[in-house]
């Protein structure tokens, strides 16, 4: 597991300068729509707004689109170069270096936990979800936006799979100058669990899934509540 942690940190540190630009170009701007959609769903379930915690925050992109009314906003990521960029972009957010499996926060602290495109990079999802449960207040919300392996069947699915597994790594490499990083990101999608398995894992850790929606052939939004 330690090897994966180091590899992921190096991967994202290497592409920090052009990460958001690459996301916008490679998704044809859809990543913005997806984040906004997640934030809309959050607002339907959120009861209190004292503290929001963005896990695997990267350069802090979620803070552009998700509720700004929180008294305290914290972003956490293991990649230092990503956090340097995040601190330049969002002066009103506290950014902390750390892992989802070992959250450096007190129990029953957060009203909302966000994760966009980060769960598949966790070393240990079950441990991370236990930490989410520990840190969330009762009735607190977890919102997850994530890529999943492409389902077989329709022409659209096949086209999207070809793009993500074959084309995206090449163009991602051209934009960022790091072909290996985008090969890893493509493989991490291909090898990830199904949405059904992730739902089961969340609920095994007392995070009841109240919404699960496919918004693209391989992109889902999950909203779960601490019971």
C-alpha atoms as a PDB file:
ATOM      1  CA  UNK A   1       0.000   0.000   0.000  1.00  0.00           C
ATOM      2  CA  UNK A   2       2.841   2.404   0.784  1.00  0.00           C
ATOM      3  CA  UNK A   3       4.103   1.947  -2.795  1.00  0.00           C
ATOM      4  CA  UNK A   4       0.721   3.036  -4.177  1.00  0.00           C
ATOM      5  CA  UNK A   5       0.719   6.098  -1.918  1.00  0.00           C
ATOM      6  CA  UNK A   6       4.117   7.216  -3.172  1.00  0.00           C
ATOM      7  CA  UNK A   7       3.204   6.534  -6.809  1.00  0.00           C
ATOM      8  CA  UNK A   8      -0.018   8.536  -6.594  1.00  0.00           C
ATOM      9  CA  UNK A   9       1.700  11.459  -4.885  1.00  0.00           C
ATOM     10  CA  UNK A  10       4.413  11.575  -7.542  1.00  0.00           C
ATOM     11  CA  UNK A  11       1.860  11.231 -10.341  1.00  0.00           C
ATOM     12  CA  UNK A  12      -0.201  14.217  -9.239  1.00  0.00           C
ATOM     13  CA  UNK A  13       2.774  16.337  -8.201  1.00  0.00           C
ATOM     14  CA  UNK A  14       4.109  15.916 -11.739  1.00  0.00           C
ATOM     15  CA  UNK A  15       0.977  17.301 -13.425  1.00  0.00           C
ATOM     16  CA  UNK A  16      -0.087  19.950 -10.901  1.00  0.00           C
ATOM     17  CA  UNK A  17       0.689  22.956 -13.152  1.00  0.00           C
ATOM     18  CA  UNK A  18      -1.689  21.891 -15.922  1.00  0.00           C
ATOM     19  CA  UNK A  19      -4.045  19.523 -14.141  1.00  0.00           C
ATOM     20  CA  UNK A  20      -7.192  21.668 -14.222  1.00  0.00           C
ATOM     21  CA  UNK A  21      -6.540  22.845 -17.786  1.00  0.00           C
ATOM     22  CA  UNK A  22      -6.124  19.224 -18.868  1.00  0.00           C
ATOM     23  CA  UNK A  23      -9.357  18.218 -17.106  1.00  0.00           C
ATOM     24  CA  UNK A  24     -11.324  20.930 -18.886  1.00  0.00           C
ATOM     25  CA  UNK A  25      -9.891  20.106 -22.310  1.00  0.00           C
ATOM     26  CA  UNK A  26     -10.038  16.321 -22.026  1.00  0.00           C
ATOM     27  CA  UNK A  27     -13.651  16.323 -20.759  1.00  0.00           C
ATOM     28  CA  UNK A  28     -14.721  19.034 -23.232  1.00  0.00           C
ATOM     29  CA  UNK A  29     -15.694  21.149 -20.235  1.00  0.00           C
ATOM     30  CA  UNK A  30     -18.000  18.485 -18.826  1.00  0.00           C
ATOM     31  CA  UNK A  31     -15.994  18.214 -15.592  1.00  0.00           C
ATOM     32  CA  UNK A  32     -17.350  21.663 -14.670  1.00  0.00           C
ATOM     33  CA  UNK A  33     -20.939  20.532 -15.278  1.00  0.00           C
ATOM     34  CA  UNK A  34     -20.349  17.344 -13.288  1.00  0.00           C
ATOM     35  CA  UNK A  35     -19.004  19.228 -10.267  1.00  0.00           C
ATOM     36  CA  UNK A  36     -21.904  21.684 -10.392  1.00  0.00           C
ATOM     37  CA  UNK A  37     -24.360  18.794 -10.571  1.00  0.00           C
ATOM     38  CA  UNK A  38     -22.797  17.192  -7.481  1.00  0.00           C
ATOM     39  CA  UNK A  39     -23.048  20.472  -5.607  1.00  0.00           C
ATOM     40  CA  UNK A  40     -26.711  20.872  -6.551  1.00  0.00           C
ATOM     41  CA  UNK A  41     -27.440  17.458  -5.099  1.00  0.00           C
ATOM     42  CA  UNK A  42     -25.544  18.316  -1.916  1.00  0.00           C
ATOM     43  CA  UNK A  43     -27.691  21.390  -1.339  1.00  0.00           C
ATOM     44  CA  UNK A  44     -30.824  19.229  -1.361  1.00  0.00           C
ATOM     45  CA  UNK A  45     -29.626  17.157   1.614  1.00  0.00           C
ATOM     46  CA  UNK A  46     -27.414  19.478   3.656  1.00  0.00           C
ATOM     47  CA  UNK A  47     -28.821  20.597   7.016  1.00  0.00           C
ATOM     48  CA  UNK A  48     -25.941  22.585   8.549  1.00  0.00           C
ATOM     49  CA  UNK A  49     -23.008  24.472   7.056  1.00  0.00           C
ATOM     50  CA  UNK A  50     -20.271  24.974   9.611  1.00  0.00           C
ATOM     51  CA  UNK A  51     -17.451  22.946   8.025  1.00  0.00           C
ATOM     52  CA  UNK A  52     -16.852  21.398   4.603  1.00  0.00           C
ATOM     53  CA  UNK A  53     -13.958  19.019   3.990  1.00  0.00           C
ATOM     54  CA  UNK A  54     -12.791  18.357   0.426  1.00  0.00           C
ATOM     55  CA  UNK A  55     -10.808  15.101   0.252  1.00  0.00           C
ATOM     56  CA  UNK A  56      -8.270  14.551  -2.559  1.00  0.00           C
ATOM     57  CA  UNK A  57      -8.808  18.247  -3.217  1.00  0.00           C
ATOM     58  CA  UNK A  58      -6.038  18.563  -5.798  1.00  0.00           C
ATOM     59  CA  UNK A  59      -5.898  22.238  -6.760  1.00  0.00           C
ATOM     60  CA  UNK A  60      -9.149  22.909  -4.897  1.00  0.00           C
ATOM     61  CA  UNK A  61     -11.472  22.965  -7.912  1.00  0.00           C
ATOM     62  CA  UNK A  62     -14.545  21.900  -5.915  1.00  0.00           C
ATOM     63  CA  UNK A  63     -14.424  25.166  -3.973  1.00  0.00           C
ATOM     64  CA  UNK A  64     -15.298  27.051  -7.184  1.00  0.00           C
ATOM     65  CA  UNK A  65     -18.642  25.324  -7.479  1.00  0.00           C
ATOM     66  CA  UNK A  66     -19.760  23.985  -4.103  1.00  0.00           C
ATOM     67  CA  UNK A  67     -21.419  25.875  -1.256  1.00  0.00           C
ATOM     68  CA  UNK A  68     -19.462  29.007  -0.331  1.00  0.00           C
ATOM     69  CA  UNK A  69     -21.511  29.741   2.785  1.00  0.00           C
ATOM     70  CA  UNK A  70     -19.503  27.420   5.041  1.00  0.00           C
ATOM     71  CA  UNK A  71     -17.788  29.062   7.988  1.00  0.00           C
ATOM     72  CA  UNK A  72     -14.767  26.776   7.624  1.00  0.00           C
ATOM     73  CA  UNK A  73     -13.450  25.217   4.412  1.00  0.00           C
ATOM     74  CA  UNK A  74     -10.659  22.639   4.419  1.00  0.00           C
ATOM     75  CA  UNK A  75      -9.036  20.808   1.517  1.00  0.00           C
ATOM     76  CA  UNK A  76      -6.876  17.725   2.037  1.00  0.00           C
ATOM     77  CA  UNK A  77      -4.513  16.049  -0.459  1.00  0.00           C
ATOM     78  CA  UNK A  78      -1.289  14.003  -0.332  1.00  0.00           C
ATOM     79  CA  UNK A  79       0.335  15.853  -3.284  1.00  0.00           C
ATOM     80  CA  UNK A  80       2.272  18.928  -2.159  1.00  0.00           C
ATOM     81  CA  UNK A  81       2.520  20.546  -5.584  1.00  0.00           C
ATOM     82  CA  UNK A  82      -1.242  20.311  -5.959  1.00  0.00           C
ATOM     83  CA  UNK A  83      -1.706  22.017  -2.588  1.00  0.00           C
ATOM     84  CA  UNK A  84       0.688  24.822  -3.552  1.00  0.00           C
ATOM     85  CA  UNK A  85      -1.543  25.605  -6.523  1.00  0.00           C
ATOM     86  CA  UNK A  86      -4.671  25.307  -4.389  1.00  0.00           C
ATOM     87  CA  UNK A  87      -3.348  27.808  -1.832  1.00  0.00           C
ATOM     88  CA  UNK A  88      -2.665  30.316  -4.615  1.00  0.00           C
ATOM     89  CA  UNK A  89      -6.226  29.959  -5.930  1.00  0.00           C
ATOM     90  CA  UNK A  90      -8.305  29.953  -2.737  1.00  0.00           C
ATOM     91  CA  UNK A  91      -7.111  32.246   0.027  1.00  0.00           C
ATOM     92  CA  UNK A  92     -10.143  31.573   2.237  1.00  0.00           C
ATOM     93  CA  UNK A  93      -9.561  27.802   2.367  1.00  0.00           C
ATOM     94  CA  UNK A  94      -7.208  25.910   4.683  1.00  0.00           C
ATOM     95  CA  UNK A  95      -5.261  23.243   2.806  1.00  0.00           C
ATOM     96  CA  UNK A  96      -3.724  20.288   4.625  1.00  0.00           C
ATOM     97  CA  UNK A  97      -1.390  17.563   3.404  1.00  0.00           C
ATOM     98  CA  UNK A  98      -2.780  14.151   4.285  1.00  0.00           C
ATOM     99  CA  UNK A  99      -4.461  10.898   3.320  1.00  0.00           C
ATOM    100  CA  UNK A 100      -8.135   9.965   3.326  1.00  0.00           C
ATOM    101  CA  UNK A 101      -7.345   6.869   5.398  1.00  0.00           C
ATOM    102  CA  UNK A 102      -5.776   8.930   8.213  1.00  0.00           C
ATOM    103  CA  UNK A 103      -7.770  12.146   8.523  1.00  0.00           C
ATOM    104  CA  UNK A 104      -6.104  14.566  10.978  1.00  0.00           C
ATOM    105  CA  UNK A 105      -9.424  15.842  12.342  1.00  0.00           C
ATOM    106  CA  UNK A 106     -11.576  15.335  15.432  1.00  0.00           C
ATOM    107  CA  UNK A 107     -14.663  13.140  15.588  1.00  0.00           C
ATOM    108  CA  UNK A 108     -18.063  14.550  14.567  1.00  0.00           C
ATOM    109  CA  UNK A 109     -16.554  17.680  13.028  1.00  0.00           C
ATOM    110  CA  UNK A 110     -17.682  18.026   9.395  1.00  0.00           C
ATOM    111  CA  UNK A 111     -21.104  18.777   7.951  1.00  0.00           C
ATOM    112  CA  UNK A 112     -20.029  17.836   4.425  1.00  0.00           C
ATOM    113  CA  UNK A 113     -17.277  15.739   2.860  1.00  0.00           C
ATOM    114  CA  UNK A 114     -16.634  16.050  -0.871  1.00  0.00           C
ATOM    115  CA  UNK A 115     -14.534  13.786  -3.096  1.00  0.00           C
ATOM    116  CA  UNK A 116     -14.217  14.359  -6.836  1.00  0.00           C
ATOM    117  CA  UNK A 117     -12.332  11.769  -8.889  1.00  0.00           C
ATOM    118  CA  UNK A 118     -10.295  10.694  -5.883  1.00  0.00           C
ATOM    119  CA  UNK A 119     -11.868   7.571  -4.393  1.00  0.00           C
ATOM    120  CA  UNK A 120     -10.306   5.228  -6.946  1.00  0.00           C
ATOM    121  CA  UNK A 121      -6.872   6.474  -5.830  1.00  0.00           C
ATOM    122  CA  UNK A 122      -7.399   5.655  -2.153  1.00  0.00           C
ATOM    123  CA  UNK A 123      -5.061   3.041  -0.707  1.00  0.00           C
ATOM    124  CA  UNK A 124      -7.884   1.485   1.297  1.00  0.00           C
ATOM    125  CA  UNK A 125     -11.462   2.564   0.569  1.00  0.00           C
ATOM    126  CA  UNK A 126     -12.975   0.818   3.573  1.00  0.00           C
ATOM    127  CA  UNK A 127     -10.556   2.536   5.936  1.00  0.00           C
ATOM    128  CA  UNK A 128     -11.210   5.890   4.266  1.00  0.00           C
ATOM    129  CA  UNK A 129     -14.976   5.435   4.533  1.00  0.00           C
ATOM    130  CA  UNK A 130     -14.597   4.567   8.230  1.00  0.00           C
ATOM    131  CA  UNK A 131     -12.690   7.823   8.636  1.00  0.00           C
ATOM    132  CA  UNK A 132     -15.463   9.700   6.818  1.00  0.00           C
ATOM    133  CA  UNK A 133     -17.975   8.232   9.243  1.00  0.00           C
ATOM    134  CA  UNK A 134     -15.815   9.194  12.222  1.00  0.00           C
ATOM    135  CA  UNK A 135     -15.265  12.793  11.135  1.00  0.00           C
ATOM    136  CA  UNK A 136     -18.809  13.523   9.944  1.00  0.00           C
ATOM    137  CA  UNK A 137     -21.481  14.830  12.272  1.00  0.00           C
ATOM    138  CA  UNK A 138     -24.686  12.824  12.612  1.00  0.00           C
ATOM    139  CA  UNK A 139     -26.750  13.400   9.457  1.00  0.00           C
ATOM    140  CA  UNK A 140     -23.610  14.770   7.783  1.00  0.00           C
ATOM    141  CA  UNK A 141     -23.259  14.250   4.045  1.00  0.00           C
ATOM    142  CA  UNK A 142     -20.649  12.600   1.830  1.00  0.00           C
ATOM    143  CA  UNK A 143     -20.801  13.524  -1.863  1.00  0.00           C
ATOM    144  CA  UNK A 144     -18.659  11.586  -4.332  1.00  0.00           C
ATOM    145  CA  UNK A 145     -18.097  12.256  -8.030  1.00  0.00           C
ATOM    146  CA  UNK A 146     -16.187   9.430  -9.689  1.00  0.00           C
ATOM    147  CA  UNK A 147     -15.300   7.549 -12.867  1.00  0.00           C
ATOM    148  CA  UNK A 148     -16.167   3.853 -13.004  1.00  0.00           C
ATOM    149  CA  UNK A 149     -15.269   1.113 -15.507  1.00  0.00           C
ATOM    150  CA  UNK A 150     -17.210   1.455 -18.725  1.00  0.00           C
ATOM    151  CA  UNK A 151     -20.227  -0.784 -19.070  1.00  0.00           C
ATOM    152  CA  UNK A 152     -20.551  -2.852 -22.249  1.00  0.00           C
ATOM    153  CA  UNK A 153     -23.401  -2.471 -24.683  1.00  0.00           C
ATOM    154  CA  UNK A 154     -24.339   0.767 -26.383  1.00  0.00           C
ATOM    155  CA  UNK A 155     -22.418   2.492 -29.129  1.00  0.00           C
ATOM    156  CA  UNK A 156     -22.002   5.542 -26.880  1.00  0.00           C
ATOM    157  CA  UNK A 157     -20.433   3.390 -24.156  1.00  0.00           C
ATOM    158  CA  UNK A 158     -18.042   1.809 -26.640  1.00  0.00           C
ATOM    159  CA  UNK A 159     -17.054   5.200 -28.039  1.00  0.00           C
ATOM    160  CA  UNK A 160     -16.534   6.638 -24.543  1.00  0.00           C
ATOM    161  CA  UNK A 161     -14.451   3.598 -23.542  1.00  0.00           C
ATOM    162  CA  UNK A 162     -12.251   3.965 -26.613  1.00  0.00           C
ATOM    163  CA  UNK A 163     -11.731   7.656 -25.841  1.00  0.00           C
ATOM    164  CA  UNK A 164     -10.948   7.176 -22.146  1.00  0.00           C
ATOM    165  CA  UNK A 165      -8.755   4.093 -22.448  1.00  0.00           C
ATOM    166  CA  UNK A 166      -6.969   4.891 -25.723  1.00  0.00           C
ATOM    167  CA  UNK A 167      -7.202   8.557 -26.684  1.00  0.00           C
ATOM    168  CA  UNK A 168      -7.282  10.388 -23.335  1.00  0.00           C
ATOM    169  CA  UNK A 169      -3.876   9.120 -22.094  1.00  0.00           C
ATOM    170  CA  UNK A 170      -2.222  10.389 -25.268  1.00  0.00           C
ATOM    171  CA  UNK A 171      -3.797  13.851 -25.232  1.00  0.00           C
ATOM    172  CA  UNK A 172      -3.350  14.144 -21.474  1.00  0.00           C
ATOM    173  CA  UNK A 173       0.331  13.471 -21.989  1.00  0.00           C
ATOM    174  CA  UNK A 174       0.554  16.126 -24.718  1.00  0.00           C
ATOM    175  CA  UNK A 175      -1.131  18.764 -22.551  1.00  0.00           C
ATOM    176  CA  UNK A 176       0.826  18.094 -19.352  1.00  0.00           C
ATOM    177  CA  UNK A 177       4.040  16.645 -20.749  1.00  0.00           C
ATOM    178  CA  UNK A 178       3.553  13.522 -18.624  1.00  0.00           C
ATOM    179  CA  UNK A 179       2.280  10.523 -20.578  1.00  0.00           C
ATOM    180  CA  UNK A 180       2.812   8.071 -17.706  1.00  0.00           C
ATOM    181  CA  UNK A 181       0.502  10.037 -15.405  1.00  0.00           C
ATOM    182  CA  UNK A 182      -2.415   9.824 -17.810  1.00  0.00           C
ATOM    183  CA  UNK A 183      -1.755   6.182 -18.578  1.00  0.00           C
ATOM    184  CA  UNK A 184      -2.062   5.561 -14.838  1.00  0.00           C
ATOM    185  CA  UNK A 185      -5.276   7.594 -14.592  1.00  0.00           C
ATOM    186  CA  UNK A 186      -6.826   5.655 -17.473  1.00  0.00           C
ATOM    187  CA  UNK A 187      -5.816   2.303 -15.975  1.00  0.00           C
ATOM    188  CA  UNK A 188      -7.159   3.351 -12.553  1.00  0.00           C
ATOM    189  CA  UNK A 189     -10.605   3.838 -14.117  1.00  0.00           C
ATOM    190  CA  UNK A 190     -10.474   0.560 -16.004  1.00  0.00           C
ATOM    191  CA  UNK A 191      -9.496  -1.382 -12.861  1.00  0.00           C
ATOM    192  CA  UNK A 192     -11.877   0.308 -10.421  1.00  0.00           C
ATOM    193  CA  UNK A 193     -14.822  -1.408  -8.716  1.00  0.00           C
ATOM    194  CA  UNK A 194     -18.417  -1.183  -9.940  1.00  0.00           C
ATOM    195  CA  UNK A 195     -20.833   1.475  -8.596  1.00  0.00           C
ATOM    196  CA  UNK A 196     -22.766  -1.309  -6.834  1.00  0.00           C
ATOM    197  CA  UNK A 197     -19.681  -2.405  -4.898  1.00  0.00           C
ATOM    198  CA  UNK A 198     -18.891   1.144  -3.830  1.00  0.00           C
ATOM    199  CA  UNK A 199     -22.466   1.633  -2.637  1.00  0.00           C
ATOM    200  CA  UNK A 200     -22.128  -1.529  -0.549  1.00  0.00           C
ATOM    201  CA  UNK A 201     -18.810  -0.350   0.921  1.00  0.00           C
ATOM    202  CA  UNK A 202     -20.258   3.019   1.899  1.00  0.00           C
ATOM    203  CA  UNK A 203     -23.238   1.434   3.606  1.00  0.00           C
ATOM    204  CA  UNK A 204     -21.031  -1.088   5.413  1.00  0.00           C
ATOM    205  CA  UNK A 205     -19.496   1.958   7.092  1.00  0.00           C
ATOM    206  CA  UNK A 206     -22.777   3.527   8.230  1.00  0.00           C
ATOM    207  CA  UNK A 207     -22.974   5.908   5.254  1.00  0.00           C
ATOM    208  CA  UNK A 208     -26.444   5.384   3.814  1.00  0.00           C
ATOM    209  CA  UNK A 209     -26.561   6.116   0.075  1.00  0.00           C
ATOM    210  CA  UNK A 210     -29.523   8.419  -0.552  1.00  0.00           C
ATOM    211  CA  UNK A 211     -28.700   9.192  -4.189  1.00  0.00           C
ATOM    212  CA  UNK A 212     -26.762   7.340  -6.889  1.00  0.00           C
ATOM    213  CA  UNK A 213     -26.987   8.793 -10.375  1.00  0.00           C
ATOM    214  CA  UNK A 214     -25.155   8.067 -13.612  1.00  0.00           C
ATOM    215  CA  UNK A 215     -24.507  11.396 -15.364  1.00  0.00           C
ATOM    216  CA  UNK A 216     -22.248  10.078 -18.155  1.00  0.00           C
ATOM    217  CA  UNK A 217     -21.501   6.555 -19.425  1.00  0.00           C
ATOM    218  CA  UNK A 218     -18.797   6.107 -16.773  1.00  0.00           C
ATOM    219  CA  UNK A 219     -19.403   8.965 -14.316  1.00  0.00           C
ATOM    220  CA  UNK A 220     -21.584   8.651 -11.205  1.00  0.00           C
ATOM    221  CA  UNK A 221     -22.569  10.917  -8.354  1.00  0.00           C
ATOM    222  CA  UNK A 222     -23.127   9.377  -4.921  1.00  0.00           C
ATOM    223  CA  UNK A 223     -24.676  11.188  -1.980  1.00  0.00           C
ATOM    224  CA  UNK A 224     -24.586   9.369   1.359  1.00  0.00           C
ATOM    225  CA  UNK A 225     -25.691  10.361   4.855  1.00  0.00           C
ATOM    226  CA  UNK A 226     -24.181   9.370   8.191  1.00  0.00           C
ATOM    227  CA  UNK A 227     -26.930   7.601  10.108  1.00  0.00           C
END
